[in-house]
Amino acid sequence: MADPLSFPVLAGVALSATITFIYNRIRAVLDRRAGRVPSDAPDAIEGSTEALIVHSESLTEEQVETLERSAGALGVYLDHPELLRGEDEKLRGTLGELRNILELAYRREFIFGDEQPEGPSLRVTMRSDEISGIQRGIKARGVSGSAHLDVDQTGKVITESGEMTAIEIDGSIG
């Protein structure tokens, strides 16, 4: 999880677009959490071909309350973009905290401004009703220190001969 104060300094259109993006993701999470949108309905993001799944159930009540409080504050910036100041440390801290919460809900990293992803990433999602053999999310000979691995597995029934392994690494990591 990134330090909230490490949120990049953005200005003008980039800052406004970031506020809009974060505000829309907050609304998507809260709408699913409140049942206004089916919880399994993907979140379609404008300009992206990838529909994202919202995992609002993975958030704590405190995190949800932070999203609710922050939605109102971000709405003010959307209505009055002249108030936006990219060097505002309080705003950057808030955006960083919101990004951390949203990354938990979306189970993915969000990149803003000229940030670079921390390294290569591999994300695997697997769902099974019954596992009677081996289900493995990732099997690798080794992993570089800059890699980010994310495996989300769900097995409803794992039989006596079944095995569910998220990651199997045969070698060093890093």
Protein backbone atom coordinates (compact mmCIF):
# COMPACT_ATOMS: atom_id res chain seq x y z
CA MET A 1 0.00 0.00 0.00
CA ALA A 2 1.45 3.35 -1.06
CA ASP A 3 2.10 6.20 1.34
CA PRO A 4 -0.85 8.58 0.84
CA LEU A 5 1.49 11.58 0.79
CA SER A 6 3.36 10.06 -2.13
CA PHE A 7 0.43 10.92 -4.39
CA PRO A 8 1.85 12.84 -7.36
CA VAL A 9 1.58 16.60 -7.70
CA LEU A 10 -0.90 17.14 -10.54
CA ALA A 11 -2.17 20.36 -12.05
CA GLY A 12 -4.91 21.61 -14.35
CA VAL A 13 -6.69 19.09 -16.50
CA ALA A 14 -4.76 16.13 -15.04
CA LEU A 15 -5.81 17.01 -11.49
CA SER A 16 -9.42 17.59 -12.52
CA ALA A 17 -9.51 14.27 -14.43
CA THR A 18 -8.01 12.47 -11.41
CA ILE A 19 -10.63 13.94 -9.06
CA THR A 20 -13.38 12.86 -11.50
CA PHE A 21 -11.92 9.35 -11.83
CA ILE A 22 -11.60 8.84 -8.06
CA TYR A 23 -15.05 10.32 -7.41
CA ASN A 24 -16.63 7.98 -9.99
CA ARG A 25 -14.84 4.94 -8.50
CA ILE A 26 -16.06 5.93 -5.01
CA ARG A 27 -19.64 6.18 -6.31
CA ALA A 28 -19.31 2.75 -7.97
CA VAL A 29 -18.08 1.16 -4.74
CA LEU A 30 -20.73 2.84 -2.58
CA ASP A 31 -23.54 2.05 -5.05
CA ARG A 32 -22.65 -1.64 -4.98
CA ARG A 33 -22.20 -1.65 -1.22
CA ALA A 34 -25.67 -0.08 -0.76
CA GLY A 35 -27.32 -2.44 -3.26
CA ARG A 36 -28.22 0.31 -5.77
CA VAL A 37 -26.19 -1.62 -8.34
CA PRO A 38 -25.84 -5.42 -8.28
CA SER A 39 -22.64 -6.30 -6.45
CA ASP A 40 -21.43 -8.48 -9.30
CA ALA A 41 -22.01 -5.83 -12.00
CA PRO A 42 -18.66 -4.73 -13.44
CA ASP A 43 -17.68 -1.07 -13.29
CA ALA A 44 -17.29 0.24 -16.84
CA ILE A 45 -14.63 2.93 -17.00
CA GLU A 46 -14.84 5.48 -19.79
CA GLY A 47 -12.01 5.07 -22.28
CA SER A 48 -11.16 1.55 -21.09
CA THR A 49 -12.12 -1.74 -22.69
CA GLU A 50 -11.60 -3.51 -19.37
CA ALA A 51 -14.63 -3.69 -17.06
CA LEU A 52 -13.48 -3.85 -13.47
CA ILE A 53 -15.02 -5.91 -10.70
CA VAL A 54 -15.70 -4.07 -7.45
CA HIS A 55 -15.04 -6.04 -4.28
CA SER A 56 -16.73 -3.66 -1.84
CA GLU A 57 -17.15 -6.48 0.68
CA SER A 58 -13.39 -6.47 1.22
CA LEU A 59 -13.51 -2.98 2.76
CA THR A 60 -13.84 -2.26 6.47
CA GLU A 61 -16.63 -0.04 7.79
CA GLU A 62 -14.01 2.63 8.52
CA GLN A 63 -12.83 2.56 4.90
CA VAL A 64 -16.42 2.83 3.65
CA GLU A 65 -17.01 5.80 5.97
CA THR A 66 -13.86 7.46 4.58
CA LEU A 67 -15.21 7.00 1.06
CA GLU A 68 -18.60 8.43 2.04
CA ARG A 69 -17.04 11.50 3.72
CA SER A 70 -14.63 12.08 0.87
CA ALA A 71 -17.26 11.86 -1.86
CA GLY A 72 -18.81 15.09 -0.62
CA ALA A 73 -15.46 16.88 -0.46
CA LEU A 74 -14.52 15.75 -3.96
CA GLY A 75 -17.94 16.84 -5.22
CA VAL A 76 -17.10 20.39 -4.15
CA TYR A 77 -13.96 20.27 -6.31
CA LEU A 78 -15.98 18.94 -9.23
CA ASP A 79 -18.42 21.84 -8.88
CA HIS A 80 -15.65 24.41 -8.29
CA PRO A 81 -12.49 23.32 -10.14
CA GLU A 82 -10.97 26.75 -9.52
CA LEU A 83 -10.37 25.58 -5.92
CA LEU A 84 -8.01 22.83 -7.06
CA ARG A 85 -4.34 23.30 -6.19
CA GLY A 86 -1.98 20.48 -7.16
CA GLU A 87 0.53 21.35 -4.45
CA ASP A 88 -2.16 21.17 -1.70
CA GLU A 89 -0.65 18.52 0.62
CA LYS A 90 -3.95 17.88 2.39
CA LEU A 91 -5.66 17.17 -0.94
CA ARG A 92 -2.78 14.96 -2.06
CA GLY A 93 -2.94 13.04 1.22
CA THR A 94 -6.70 12.57 0.82
CA LEU A 95 -6.30 11.40 -2.80
CA GLY A 96 -3.54 9.01 -1.73
CA GLU A 97 -5.70 7.56 1.05
CA LEU A 98 -8.64 7.18 -1.33
CA ARG A 99 -6.43 5.52 -3.92
CA ASN A 100 -5.28 2.96 -1.31
CA ILE A 101 -8.88 2.13 -0.38
CA LEU A 102 -10.01 1.92 -4.00
CA GLU A 103 -7.07 -0.32 -4.90
CA LEU A 104 -8.26 -2.71 -2.18
CA ALA A 105 -11.81 -2.62 -3.52
CA TYR A 106 -10.75 -3.10 -7.15
CA ARG A 107 -7.80 -5.38 -6.34
CA ARG A 108 -5.60 -3.49 -8.77
CA GLU A 109 -3.15 -0.63 -8.89
CA PHE A 110 -4.20 2.79 -10.16
CA ILE A 111 -1.55 5.00 -11.77
CA PHE A 112 -1.89 8.79 -11.94
CA GLY A 113 0.10 11.48 -13.69
CA ASP A 114 3.58 10.41 -14.71
CA GLU A 115 3.84 7.64 -12.08
CA GLN A 116 5.29 4.36 -13.19
CA PRO A 117 3.94 1.01 -12.04
CA GLU A 118 6.13 -0.50 -9.32
CA GLY A 119 7.04 -3.41 -11.57
CA PRO A 120 5.56 -6.13 -13.71
CA SER A 121 2.37 -7.58 -12.40
CA LEU A 122 0.43 -10.76 -12.88
CA ARG A 123 -3.18 -11.00 -11.79
CA VAL A 124 -5.08 -14.30 -11.80
CA THR A 125 -8.73 -14.81 -10.86
CA MET A 126 -10.09 -18.35 -10.61
CA ARG A 127 -13.55 -19.56 -9.53
CA SER A 128 -14.46 -23.22 -9.11
CA ASP A 129 -17.54 -24.98 -7.81
CA GLU A 130 -15.64 -28.18 -7.01
CA ILE A 131 -11.93 -28.98 -6.97
CA SER A 132 -10.97 -32.63 -7.10
CA GLY A 133 -7.54 -32.27 -8.69
CA ILE A 134 -5.00 -29.48 -8.42
CA GLN A 135 -5.96 -25.86 -8.88
CA ARG A 136 -2.96 -23.56 -8.90
CA GLY A 137 -3.12 -19.82 -9.54
CA ILE A 138 0.55 -19.29 -10.44
CA LYS A 139 3.42 -21.77 -10.82
CA ALA A 140 6.81 -20.20 -11.47
CA ARG A 141 10.50 -21.08 -11.31
CA GLY A 142 11.28 -17.74 -9.69
CA VAL A 143 10.00 -14.21 -9.28
CA SER A 144 11.95 -10.97 -9.62
CA GLY A 145 11.84 -8.55 -6.72
CA SER A 146 9.91 -6.02 -8.81
CA ALA A 147 7.06 -8.39 -9.71
CA HIS A 148 3.61 -8.04 -8.21
CA LEU A 149 1.60 -11.22 -7.98
CA ASP A 150 -2.10 -11.21 -7.19
CA VAL A 151 -4.12 -14.41 -7.09
CA ASP A 152 -7.80 -14.45 -6.22
CA GLN A 153 -9.09 -18.02 -5.89
CA THR A 154 -12.42 -19.31 -4.71
CA GLY A 155 -13.30 -22.96 -4.41
CA LYS A 156 -16.74 -23.78 -3.06
CA VAL A 157 -15.97 -27.46 -2.42
CA ILE A 158 -12.50 -28.97 -2.22
CA THR A 159 -12.65 -32.75 -2.20
CA GLU A 160 -10.32 -34.94 -0.18
CA SER A 161 -8.10 -35.40 -3.26
CA GLY A 162 -8.34 -31.72 -4.19
CA GLU A 163 -5.68 -29.09 -3.71
CA MET A 164 -5.95 -25.32 -4.05
CA THR A 165 -2.64 -23.45 -4.16
CA ALA A 166 -2.48 -19.74 -4.85
CA ILE A 167 1.21 -19.49 -5.77
CA GLU A 168 3.87 -22.19 -6.11
CA ILE A 169 7.39 -20.89 -6.63
CA ASP A 170 10.29 -23.24 -7.27
CA GLY A 171 13.28 -21.00 -6.65
CA SER A 172 14.14 -17.63 -5.19
CA ILE A 173 11.99 -14.53 -5.08
CA GLY A 174 13.84 -11.35 -5.96
